[in-house]
N, C-alpha and C. Protein backbone atom coordinates (compact mmCIF):
# COMPACT_ATOMS: atom_id res chain seq x y z
N MET A 1 -2.81 -5.30 -25.16
CA MET A 1 -3.42 -6.29 -24.31
C MET A 1 -2.65 -6.36 -22.99
N ALA A 2 -3.37 -6.46 -21.90
CA ALA A 2 -2.76 -6.52 -20.56
C ALA A 2 -1.97 -7.81 -20.39
N SER A 3 -0.84 -7.71 -19.75
CA SER A 3 0.00 -8.86 -19.50
C SER A 3 -0.60 -9.71 -18.38
N THR A 4 -0.98 -10.93 -18.71
CA THR A 4 -1.57 -11.82 -17.72
C THR A 4 -0.56 -12.18 -16.64
N LEU A 5 0.67 -12.39 -17.03
CA LEU A 5 1.72 -12.72 -16.05
C LEU A 5 1.89 -11.60 -15.03
N LEU A 6 1.91 -10.36 -15.51
CA LEU A 6 2.04 -9.23 -14.60
C LEU A 6 0.85 -9.16 -13.64
N LEU A 7 -0.36 -9.34 -14.16
CA LEU A 7 -1.54 -9.30 -13.32
C LEU A 7 -1.53 -10.40 -12.26
N VAL A 8 -1.04 -11.58 -12.62
CA VAL A 8 -0.96 -12.68 -11.66
C VAL A 8 0.08 -12.37 -10.59
N ILE A 9 1.24 -11.85 -10.99
CA ILE A 9 2.29 -11.52 -10.02
C ILE A 9 1.81 -10.44 -9.06
N VAL A 10 1.15 -9.43 -9.58
CA VAL A 10 0.63 -8.35 -8.74
C VAL A 10 -0.44 -8.90 -7.79
N PHE A 11 -1.29 -9.78 -8.28
CA PHE A 11 -2.32 -10.39 -7.44
C PHE A 11 -1.68 -11.18 -6.30
N VAL A 12 -0.66 -11.96 -6.60
CA VAL A 12 0.02 -12.76 -5.58
C VAL A 12 0.69 -11.84 -4.55
N PHE A 13 1.35 -10.78 -4.99
CA PHE A 13 1.97 -9.84 -4.06
C PHE A 13 0.92 -9.18 -3.16
N ASP A 14 -0.21 -8.78 -3.75
CA ASP A 14 -1.28 -8.18 -2.96
C ASP A 14 -1.87 -9.18 -1.98
N LEU A 15 -2.00 -10.43 -2.39
CA LEU A 15 -2.52 -11.47 -1.51
C LEU A 15 -1.58 -11.72 -0.33
N ILE A 16 -0.29 -11.75 -0.59
CA ILE A 16 0.70 -11.91 0.48
C ILE A 16 0.66 -10.71 1.42
N ALA A 17 0.58 -9.50 0.85
CA ALA A 17 0.51 -8.29 1.67
C ALA A 17 -0.75 -8.31 2.55
N PHE A 18 -1.86 -8.74 2.00
CA PHE A 18 -3.10 -8.83 2.75
C PHE A 18 -2.97 -9.84 3.89
N GLY A 19 -2.41 -11.01 3.58
CA GLY A 19 -2.23 -12.04 4.60
C GLY A 19 -1.33 -11.57 5.74
N LEU A 20 -0.26 -10.89 5.40
CA LEU A 20 0.64 -10.37 6.43
C LEU A 20 -0.03 -9.29 7.28
N ALA A 21 -0.85 -8.45 6.66
CA ALA A 21 -1.55 -7.40 7.41
C ALA A 21 -2.57 -8.01 8.37
N VAL A 22 -3.27 -9.05 7.92
CA VAL A 22 -4.23 -9.72 8.80
C VAL A 22 -3.49 -10.41 9.94
N ALA A 23 -2.37 -11.05 9.63
CA ALA A 23 -1.57 -11.69 10.67
C ALA A 23 -1.05 -10.66 11.67
N ALA A 24 -0.65 -9.49 11.18
CA ALA A 24 -0.18 -8.43 12.07
C ALA A 24 -1.29 -7.96 12.99
N GLU A 25 -2.49 -7.86 12.46
CA GLU A 25 -3.64 -7.46 13.29
C GLU A 25 -3.91 -8.49 14.39
N GLN A 26 -3.78 -9.75 14.04
CA GLN A 26 -4.03 -10.82 15.02
C GLN A 26 -2.93 -10.91 16.08
N ARG A 27 -1.72 -10.53 15.74
CA ARG A 27 -0.57 -10.70 16.65
C ARG A 27 -0.05 -9.39 17.23
N ARG A 28 -0.91 -8.39 17.32
CA ARG A 28 -0.48 -7.12 17.91
C ARG A 28 0.09 -7.33 19.30
N SER A 29 1.01 -6.48 19.69
CA SER A 29 1.60 -6.58 21.02
C SER A 29 0.57 -6.29 22.10
N SER A 30 0.68 -6.99 23.19
CA SER A 30 -0.13 -6.69 24.36
C SER A 30 0.82 -6.56 25.54
N ALA A 31 0.34 -5.93 26.60
CA ALA A 31 1.22 -5.67 27.74
C ALA A 31 0.50 -5.99 29.04
N ARG A 32 1.31 -6.25 30.04
CA ARG A 32 0.78 -6.44 31.39
C ARG A 32 1.73 -5.71 32.34
N ILE A 33 1.20 -5.38 33.49
CA ILE A 33 2.01 -4.69 34.50
C ILE A 33 2.63 -5.74 35.42
N ALA A 34 3.94 -5.64 35.59
CA ALA A 34 4.68 -6.54 36.48
C ALA A 34 5.16 -5.75 37.69
N ILE A 35 5.23 -6.42 38.82
CA ILE A 35 5.70 -5.79 40.04
C ILE A 35 6.99 -6.47 40.47
N GLU A 36 8.01 -5.64 40.69
CA GLU A 36 9.31 -6.14 41.13
C GLU A 36 9.77 -5.28 42.29
N GLY A 37 9.77 -5.86 43.46
CA GLY A 37 10.15 -5.08 44.65
C GLY A 37 9.15 -3.99 44.93
N THR A 38 9.62 -2.75 44.87
CA THR A 38 8.72 -1.60 45.13
C THR A 38 8.36 -0.84 43.86
N SER A 39 8.65 -1.41 42.71
CA SER A 39 8.33 -0.70 41.46
C SER A 39 7.47 -1.56 40.54
N ARG A 40 6.75 -0.85 39.68
CA ARG A 40 5.92 -1.50 38.65
C ARG A 40 6.45 -1.10 37.28
N TYR A 41 6.32 -2.02 36.32
CA TYR A 41 6.74 -1.73 34.96
C TYR A 41 5.92 -2.57 33.99
N CYS A 42 6.00 -2.22 32.71
CA CYS A 42 5.24 -2.92 31.67
C CYS A 42 6.07 -4.05 31.07
N VAL A 43 5.42 -5.17 30.88
CA VAL A 43 6.05 -6.31 30.21
C VAL A 43 5.25 -6.58 28.94
N TYR A 44 5.92 -6.50 27.80
CA TYR A 44 5.26 -6.70 26.50
C TYR A 44 5.53 -8.11 25.99
N ASP A 45 4.54 -8.66 25.31
CA ASP A 45 4.75 -9.97 24.71
C ASP A 45 5.44 -9.82 23.36
N THR A 46 5.40 -10.82 22.54
CA THR A 46 6.13 -10.86 21.27
C THR A 46 5.86 -9.64 20.39
N ASP A 47 6.85 -9.31 19.58
CA ASP A 47 6.77 -8.13 18.71
C ASP A 47 6.70 -8.55 17.24
N ILE A 48 6.15 -9.72 16.96
CA ILE A 48 6.12 -10.25 15.59
C ILE A 48 5.23 -9.42 14.67
N ALA A 49 4.23 -8.75 15.20
CA ALA A 49 3.31 -7.96 14.37
C ALA A 49 4.04 -6.84 13.63
N THR A 50 5.08 -6.30 14.23
CA THR A 50 5.85 -5.25 13.57
C THR A 50 6.49 -5.79 12.30
N GLY A 51 7.07 -6.97 12.39
CA GLY A 51 7.67 -7.60 11.21
C GLY A 51 6.65 -7.92 10.14
N TYR A 52 5.49 -8.41 10.56
CA TYR A 52 4.42 -8.69 9.60
C TYR A 52 3.95 -7.40 8.91
N GLY A 53 3.83 -6.33 9.68
CA GLY A 53 3.40 -5.05 9.11
C GLY A 53 4.41 -4.51 8.11
N VAL A 54 5.69 -4.60 8.43
CA VAL A 54 6.73 -4.13 7.51
C VAL A 54 6.76 -5.01 6.26
N GLY A 55 6.61 -6.33 6.43
CA GLY A 55 6.56 -7.22 5.27
C GLY A 55 5.39 -6.90 4.37
N SER A 56 4.24 -6.65 4.96
CA SER A 56 3.06 -6.28 4.19
C SER A 56 3.30 -4.97 3.44
N PHE A 57 3.91 -4.01 4.13
CA PHE A 57 4.26 -2.72 3.52
C PHE A 57 5.13 -2.94 2.28
N LEU A 58 6.14 -3.78 2.40
CA LEU A 58 7.08 -4.00 1.30
C LEU A 58 6.45 -4.75 0.13
N PHE A 59 5.60 -5.74 0.40
CA PHE A 59 4.94 -6.46 -0.68
C PHE A 59 3.96 -5.55 -1.43
N LEU A 60 3.24 -4.70 -0.70
CA LEU A 60 2.33 -3.78 -1.38
C LEU A 60 3.11 -2.76 -2.19
N LEU A 61 4.23 -2.30 -1.67
CA LEU A 61 5.09 -1.37 -2.41
C LEU A 61 5.61 -2.01 -3.69
N ALA A 62 6.05 -3.27 -3.62
CA ALA A 62 6.54 -3.98 -4.81
C ALA A 62 5.42 -4.14 -5.83
N SER A 63 4.24 -4.44 -5.37
CA SER A 63 3.09 -4.59 -6.27
C SER A 63 2.80 -3.28 -7.01
N GLN A 64 2.78 -2.18 -6.27
CA GLN A 64 2.51 -0.87 -6.87
C GLN A 64 3.62 -0.49 -7.85
N LEU A 65 4.86 -0.75 -7.49
CA LEU A 65 5.97 -0.44 -8.38
C LEU A 65 5.90 -1.23 -9.68
N LEU A 66 5.52 -2.50 -9.60
CA LEU A 66 5.38 -3.31 -10.82
C LEU A 66 4.33 -2.73 -11.76
N ILE A 67 3.19 -2.37 -11.22
CA ILE A 67 2.12 -1.79 -12.04
C ILE A 67 2.56 -0.46 -12.65
N MET A 68 3.22 0.38 -11.86
CA MET A 68 3.62 1.69 -12.35
C MET A 68 4.75 1.60 -13.38
N VAL A 69 5.66 0.67 -13.21
CA VAL A 69 6.73 0.50 -14.20
C VAL A 69 6.14 -0.03 -15.50
N ALA A 70 5.23 -0.98 -15.40
CA ALA A 70 4.62 -1.55 -16.60
C ALA A 70 3.78 -0.52 -17.36
N SER A 71 3.14 0.40 -16.64
CA SER A 71 2.31 1.41 -17.29
C SER A 71 3.07 2.72 -17.50
N ARG A 72 4.34 2.73 -17.19
CA ARG A 72 5.16 3.94 -17.27
C ARG A 72 4.51 5.08 -16.50
N CYS A 73 3.90 4.73 -15.38
CA CYS A 73 3.29 5.68 -14.45
C CYS A 73 2.28 6.60 -15.13
N LEU A 74 1.70 6.17 -16.20
CA LEU A 74 0.66 6.85 -16.97
C LEU A 74 1.14 8.14 -17.64
N CYS A 75 2.08 8.84 -17.05
CA CYS A 75 2.47 10.14 -17.59
C CYS A 75 3.69 10.08 -18.51
N CYS A 76 4.42 9.00 -18.49
CA CYS A 76 5.59 8.86 -19.36
C CYS A 76 5.23 7.94 -20.53
N GLY A 77 5.94 8.06 -21.59
CA GLY A 77 5.65 7.21 -22.75
C GLY A 77 4.72 7.89 -23.72
N ARG A 78 4.24 7.12 -24.67
CA ARG A 78 3.38 7.72 -25.70
C ARG A 78 1.97 7.98 -25.18
N ALA A 79 1.26 8.81 -25.93
CA ALA A 79 -0.09 9.20 -25.54
C ALA A 79 -1.05 8.02 -25.68
N LEU A 80 -2.08 8.03 -24.84
CA LEU A 80 -3.09 6.98 -24.89
C LEU A 80 -4.18 7.37 -25.88
N ALA A 81 -4.83 6.37 -26.43
CA ALA A 81 -5.93 6.61 -27.38
C ALA A 81 -7.09 7.28 -26.64
N PRO A 82 -7.66 8.31 -27.25
CA PRO A 82 -8.79 8.97 -26.60
C PRO A 82 -9.98 8.01 -26.49
N GLY A 83 -10.79 8.19 -25.47
CA GLY A 83 -11.97 7.35 -25.31
C GLY A 83 -12.19 6.95 -23.87
N ARG A 84 -13.11 6.00 -23.70
CA ARG A 84 -13.49 5.54 -22.38
C ARG A 84 -12.33 4.91 -21.60
N SER A 85 -11.54 4.10 -22.28
CA SER A 85 -10.44 3.41 -21.60
C SER A 85 -9.44 4.40 -21.02
N ARG A 86 -9.15 5.45 -21.76
CA ARG A 86 -8.22 6.46 -21.25
C ARG A 86 -8.83 7.19 -20.06
N ALA A 87 -10.09 7.53 -20.14
CA ALA A 87 -10.76 8.22 -19.03
C ALA A 87 -10.77 7.34 -17.78
N TRP A 88 -11.09 6.06 -17.95
CA TRP A 88 -11.08 5.14 -16.82
C TRP A 88 -9.66 4.96 -16.28
N ALA A 89 -8.69 4.90 -17.17
CA ALA A 89 -7.30 4.74 -16.74
C ALA A 89 -6.87 5.91 -15.86
N ILE A 90 -7.26 7.11 -16.22
CA ILE A 90 -6.89 8.29 -15.44
C ILE A 90 -7.58 8.28 -14.08
N VAL A 91 -8.87 7.98 -14.05
CA VAL A 91 -9.62 7.93 -12.79
C VAL A 91 -9.07 6.83 -11.89
N LEU A 92 -8.82 5.66 -12.45
CA LEU A 92 -8.31 4.54 -11.67
C LEU A 92 -6.87 4.77 -11.21
N PHE A 93 -6.09 5.49 -12.01
CA PHE A 93 -4.72 5.84 -11.62
C PHE A 93 -4.73 6.68 -10.34
N ILE A 94 -5.55 7.69 -10.31
CA ILE A 94 -5.65 8.57 -9.14
C ILE A 94 -6.17 7.79 -7.94
N THR A 95 -7.22 7.00 -8.15
CA THR A 95 -7.79 6.20 -7.06
C THR A 95 -6.78 5.20 -6.53
N CYS A 96 -6.03 4.60 -7.43
CA CYS A 96 -5.01 3.62 -7.05
C CYS A 96 -3.97 4.24 -6.13
N TRP A 97 -3.51 5.43 -6.47
CA TRP A 97 -2.50 6.08 -5.64
C TRP A 97 -3.06 6.51 -4.29
N VAL A 98 -4.31 6.95 -4.26
CA VAL A 98 -4.92 7.36 -2.98
C VAL A 98 -5.06 6.15 -2.05
N THR A 99 -5.62 5.04 -2.56
CA THR A 99 -5.78 3.86 -1.72
C THR A 99 -4.43 3.26 -1.32
N PHE A 100 -3.47 3.32 -2.21
CA PHE A 100 -2.12 2.83 -1.90
C PHE A 100 -1.51 3.65 -0.77
N PHE A 101 -1.63 4.96 -0.85
CA PHE A 101 -1.07 5.84 0.17
C PHE A 101 -1.72 5.57 1.53
N ILE A 102 -3.03 5.42 1.57
CA ILE A 102 -3.73 5.16 2.83
C ILE A 102 -3.29 3.81 3.42
N ALA A 103 -3.20 2.79 2.57
CA ALA A 103 -2.77 1.47 3.04
C ALA A 103 -1.36 1.52 3.60
N GLU A 104 -0.47 2.18 2.90
CA GLU A 104 0.92 2.24 3.36
C GLU A 104 1.05 3.03 4.66
N VAL A 105 0.28 4.10 4.81
CA VAL A 105 0.32 4.88 6.05
C VAL A 105 -0.19 4.02 7.21
N CYS A 106 -1.28 3.28 7.00
CA CYS A 106 -1.79 2.41 8.06
C CYS A 106 -0.76 1.36 8.45
N LEU A 107 -0.14 0.73 7.46
CA LEU A 107 0.84 -0.32 7.76
C LEU A 107 2.08 0.23 8.44
N LEU A 108 2.58 1.35 7.95
CA LEU A 108 3.78 1.93 8.53
C LEU A 108 3.52 2.47 9.94
N ALA A 109 2.43 3.19 10.10
CA ALA A 109 2.10 3.73 11.42
C ALA A 109 1.82 2.60 12.41
N GLY A 110 1.13 1.57 11.96
CA GLY A 110 0.87 0.43 12.83
C GLY A 110 2.15 -0.27 13.25
N SER A 111 3.07 -0.44 12.32
CA SER A 111 4.33 -1.10 12.64
C SER A 111 5.17 -0.28 13.62
N VAL A 112 5.23 1.02 13.39
CA VAL A 112 6.01 1.89 14.28
C VAL A 112 5.37 1.92 15.67
N ARG A 113 4.08 2.07 15.72
CA ARG A 113 3.38 2.16 17.00
C ARG A 113 3.44 0.83 17.76
N ASN A 114 3.35 -0.28 17.03
CA ASN A 114 3.42 -1.59 17.66
C ASN A 114 4.82 -1.85 18.24
N ALA A 115 5.84 -1.30 17.61
CA ALA A 115 7.21 -1.50 18.08
C ALA A 115 7.54 -0.63 19.28
N TYR A 116 6.73 0.40 19.55
CA TYR A 116 6.99 1.31 20.66
C TYR A 116 6.57 0.64 21.97
N HIS A 117 7.51 0.53 22.89
CA HIS A 117 7.24 -0.03 24.20
C HIS A 117 7.73 0.94 25.25
N THR A 118 6.87 1.27 26.20
CA THR A 118 7.30 2.17 27.28
C THR A 118 8.35 1.49 28.12
N LYS A 119 9.33 2.25 28.58
CA LYS A 119 10.47 1.68 29.28
C LYS A 119 10.65 2.23 30.70
N TYR A 120 9.66 2.86 31.28
CA TYR A 120 9.88 3.46 32.58
C TYR A 120 9.20 2.64 33.68
N ARG A 121 9.68 2.85 34.89
CA ARG A 121 9.14 2.19 36.08
C ARG A 121 8.48 3.24 36.97
N THR A 122 7.51 2.80 37.73
CA THR A 122 6.90 3.67 38.74
C THR A 122 6.95 2.95 40.07
N TYR A 123 6.90 3.73 41.14
CA TYR A 123 6.89 3.14 42.47
C TYR A 123 5.47 2.80 42.86
N LEU A 124 5.31 1.86 43.77
CA LEU A 124 3.99 1.36 44.15
C LEU A 124 3.06 2.46 44.65
N SER A 125 3.60 3.51 45.24
CA SER A 125 2.76 4.59 45.75
C SER A 125 2.26 5.51 44.64
N GLU A 126 2.91 5.47 43.46
CA GLU A 126 2.51 6.32 42.33
C GLU A 126 1.47 5.61 41.46
N GLN A 127 1.01 6.33 40.47
CA GLN A 127 0.08 5.75 39.49
C GLN A 127 0.78 4.61 38.75
N PRO A 128 0.04 3.58 38.36
CA PRO A 128 0.68 2.51 37.58
C PRO A 128 1.11 3.04 36.20
N PRO A 129 2.13 2.43 35.61
CA PRO A 129 2.58 2.91 34.30
C PRO A 129 1.52 2.67 33.24
N SER A 130 1.51 3.51 32.23
CA SER A 130 0.58 3.30 31.12
C SER A 130 1.27 2.41 30.10
N CYS A 131 0.78 1.21 29.98
CA CYS A 131 1.37 0.24 29.05
C CYS A 131 0.70 0.43 27.69
N GLU A 132 1.22 1.36 26.93
CA GLU A 132 0.60 1.71 25.66
C GLU A 132 0.82 0.62 24.63
N THR A 133 -0.25 0.29 23.92
CA THR A 133 -0.18 -0.68 22.83
C THR A 133 -0.90 -0.12 21.62
N LEU A 134 -0.71 -0.79 20.50
CA LEU A 134 -1.35 -0.36 19.25
C LEU A 134 -2.86 -0.55 19.34
N ARG A 135 -3.57 0.41 18.88
CA ARG A 135 -5.02 0.36 18.86
C ARG A 135 -5.50 -0.73 17.91
N LYS A 136 -6.57 -1.39 18.28
CA LYS A 136 -7.11 -2.47 17.45
C LYS A 136 -7.68 -1.88 16.15
N GLY A 137 -7.36 -2.52 15.03
CA GLY A 137 -7.94 -2.12 13.76
C GLY A 137 -7.02 -1.38 12.82
N VAL A 138 -5.84 -0.99 13.26
CA VAL A 138 -4.94 -0.23 12.39
C VAL A 138 -4.43 -1.12 11.25
N PHE A 139 -3.94 -2.29 11.60
CA PHE A 139 -3.50 -3.22 10.56
C PHE A 139 -4.69 -3.74 9.75
N GLY A 140 -5.85 -3.85 10.39
CA GLY A 140 -7.07 -4.26 9.68
C GLY A 140 -7.47 -3.24 8.62
N ALA A 141 -7.35 -1.97 8.95
CA ALA A 141 -7.64 -0.92 7.96
C ALA A 141 -6.64 -0.99 6.81
N GLY A 142 -5.37 -1.25 7.15
CA GLY A 142 -4.36 -1.42 6.12
C GLY A 142 -4.69 -2.59 5.21
N ALA A 143 -5.16 -3.69 5.80
CA ALA A 143 -5.54 -4.87 5.00
C ALA A 143 -6.71 -4.55 4.07
N ALA A 144 -7.68 -3.81 4.57
CA ALA A 144 -8.83 -3.43 3.73
C ALA A 144 -8.38 -2.57 2.55
N PHE A 145 -7.50 -1.62 2.82
CA PHE A 145 -7.03 -0.77 1.73
C PHE A 145 -6.07 -1.50 0.79
N ILE A 146 -5.44 -2.56 1.26
CA ILE A 146 -4.65 -3.41 0.36
C ILE A 146 -5.57 -4.06 -0.66
N VAL A 147 -6.72 -4.53 -0.21
CA VAL A 147 -7.69 -5.14 -1.13
C VAL A 147 -8.16 -4.10 -2.15
N PHE A 148 -8.52 -2.91 -1.67
CA PHE A 148 -8.95 -1.84 -2.58
C PHE A 148 -7.86 -1.50 -3.58
N THR A 149 -6.64 -1.36 -3.10
CA THR A 149 -5.51 -1.03 -3.97
C THR A 149 -5.29 -2.11 -5.01
N GLY A 150 -5.35 -3.35 -4.60
CA GLY A 150 -5.16 -4.47 -5.54
C GLY A 150 -6.20 -4.47 -6.65
N ILE A 151 -7.45 -4.30 -6.28
CA ILE A 151 -8.53 -4.29 -7.28
C ILE A 151 -8.37 -3.11 -8.23
N VAL A 152 -8.18 -1.93 -7.66
CA VAL A 152 -8.10 -0.72 -8.49
C VAL A 152 -6.85 -0.72 -9.36
N SER A 153 -5.71 -1.20 -8.85
CA SER A 153 -4.49 -1.18 -9.65
C SER A 153 -4.59 -2.16 -10.82
N GLU A 154 -5.22 -3.31 -10.61
CA GLU A 154 -5.38 -4.24 -11.73
C GLU A 154 -6.38 -3.71 -12.77
N LEU A 155 -7.44 -3.06 -12.30
CA LEU A 155 -8.37 -2.43 -13.25
C LEU A 155 -7.69 -1.28 -14.00
N PHE A 156 -6.86 -0.53 -13.29
CA PHE A 156 -6.10 0.54 -13.94
C PHE A 156 -5.21 -0.01 -15.04
N TYR A 157 -4.48 -1.07 -14.74
CA TYR A 157 -3.57 -1.63 -15.73
C TYR A 157 -4.33 -2.17 -16.94
N ALA A 158 -5.48 -2.80 -16.71
CA ALA A 158 -6.28 -3.31 -17.82
C ALA A 158 -6.81 -2.15 -18.68
N SER A 159 -7.28 -1.08 -18.06
CA SER A 159 -7.76 0.08 -18.81
C SER A 159 -6.62 0.76 -19.55
N TYR A 160 -5.47 0.87 -18.88
CA TYR A 160 -4.30 1.47 -19.51
C TYR A 160 -3.89 0.66 -20.74
N SER A 161 -3.85 -0.65 -20.60
CA SER A 161 -3.44 -1.51 -21.71
C SER A 161 -4.41 -1.39 -22.88
N LYS A 162 -5.69 -1.29 -22.58
CA LYS A 162 -6.69 -1.15 -23.65
C LYS A 162 -6.54 0.20 -24.36
N ALA A 163 -6.28 1.25 -23.62
CA ALA A 163 -6.12 2.58 -24.22
C ALA A 163 -4.78 2.73 -24.93
N ASP A 164 -3.78 1.97 -24.49
CA ASP A 164 -2.44 2.06 -25.07
C ASP A 164 -2.32 1.25 -26.35
N HIS A 165 -3.21 0.35 -26.59
CA HIS A 165 -3.12 -0.59 -27.70
C HIS A 165 -3.28 0.09 -29.06
N GLY A 166 -2.21 0.18 -29.80
CA GLY A 166 -2.26 0.59 -31.20
C GLY A 166 -2.39 2.07 -31.48
N PHE A 167 -2.37 2.95 -30.51
CA PHE A 167 -2.51 4.37 -30.78
C PHE A 167 -1.14 4.98 -31.02
N ARG A 168 -1.00 5.64 -32.14
CA ARG A 168 0.26 6.31 -32.49
C ARG A 168 -0.05 7.77 -32.83
N THR A 169 0.79 8.65 -32.36
CA THR A 169 0.63 10.05 -32.72
C THR A 169 1.30 10.28 -34.07
N GLN A 170 0.82 11.29 -34.80
CA GLN A 170 1.45 11.60 -36.08
C GLN A 170 2.81 12.22 -35.84
N SER A 171 3.78 11.74 -36.56
CA SER A 171 5.12 12.25 -36.34
C SER A 171 5.56 13.21 -37.45
N ARG A 172 4.86 13.24 -38.56
CA ARG A 172 5.27 14.15 -39.63
C ARG A 172 4.53 15.47 -39.52
N ASP A 173 5.04 16.47 -40.22
CA ASP A 173 4.47 17.81 -40.18
C ASP A 173 3.13 17.82 -40.89
N THR A 174 2.11 18.37 -40.23
CA THR A 174 0.78 18.45 -40.83
C THR A 174 0.41 19.89 -41.12
N GLY A 175 1.40 20.77 -41.26
CA GLY A 175 1.14 22.19 -41.50
C GLY A 175 0.63 22.43 -42.92
N ILE A 176 0.37 23.68 -43.25
CA ILE A 176 -0.12 24.09 -44.56
C ILE A 176 1.03 24.11 -45.55
N ARG A 177 0.82 23.52 -46.69
CA ARG A 177 1.85 23.51 -47.72
C ARG A 177 1.87 24.86 -48.45
N MET A 178 3.02 25.35 -48.73
CA MET A 178 3.15 26.66 -49.36
C MET A 178 3.62 26.53 -50.83
N GLY A 179 3.75 25.35 -51.29
CA GLY A 179 4.28 25.13 -52.65
C GLY A 179 3.18 25.24 -53.70
N SER A 180 3.58 25.09 -54.98
CA SER A 180 2.60 25.14 -56.07
C SER A 180 1.88 23.79 -56.21
N ILE A 181 0.78 23.86 -56.87
CA ILE A 181 -0.02 22.66 -57.05
C ILE A 181 0.45 21.84 -58.18
């Protein structure tokens, strides 16, 4: 039977990760061009979105680690009972890792890109500096994949628990007996 406490903890971690990713999307850095004397340069506002993105990354990582430790990453431990639950557990395991990887890449890339601020100046006669900022939607995509990862990982754990329940492999020798009757 699936551990309700584990499912609740994972849900809370995923909810926090989702909230932080949405907050990061809302608080992305923006820039404006400032003029000082004969030069122009970029002035960036607060960099809080980077911290939110990293926090979201870490909460999603903790959530995934909890599920994988509890299920022994599907490949370690005893064999699962054959049937639908095992088939679903395998499919959901693969899907869980794919959505997790996409979410983490979005969060990490968004955090790194949001933290990048151009530091050069140009003179008034030259082209204005390009004040590069994070593209809209990167943290939003991460938030969407956090939701997918949360749903799939909890379904995976439930299927794994159902397939793991009570199945034991034979441990004694089942070979042909060569003795007399």
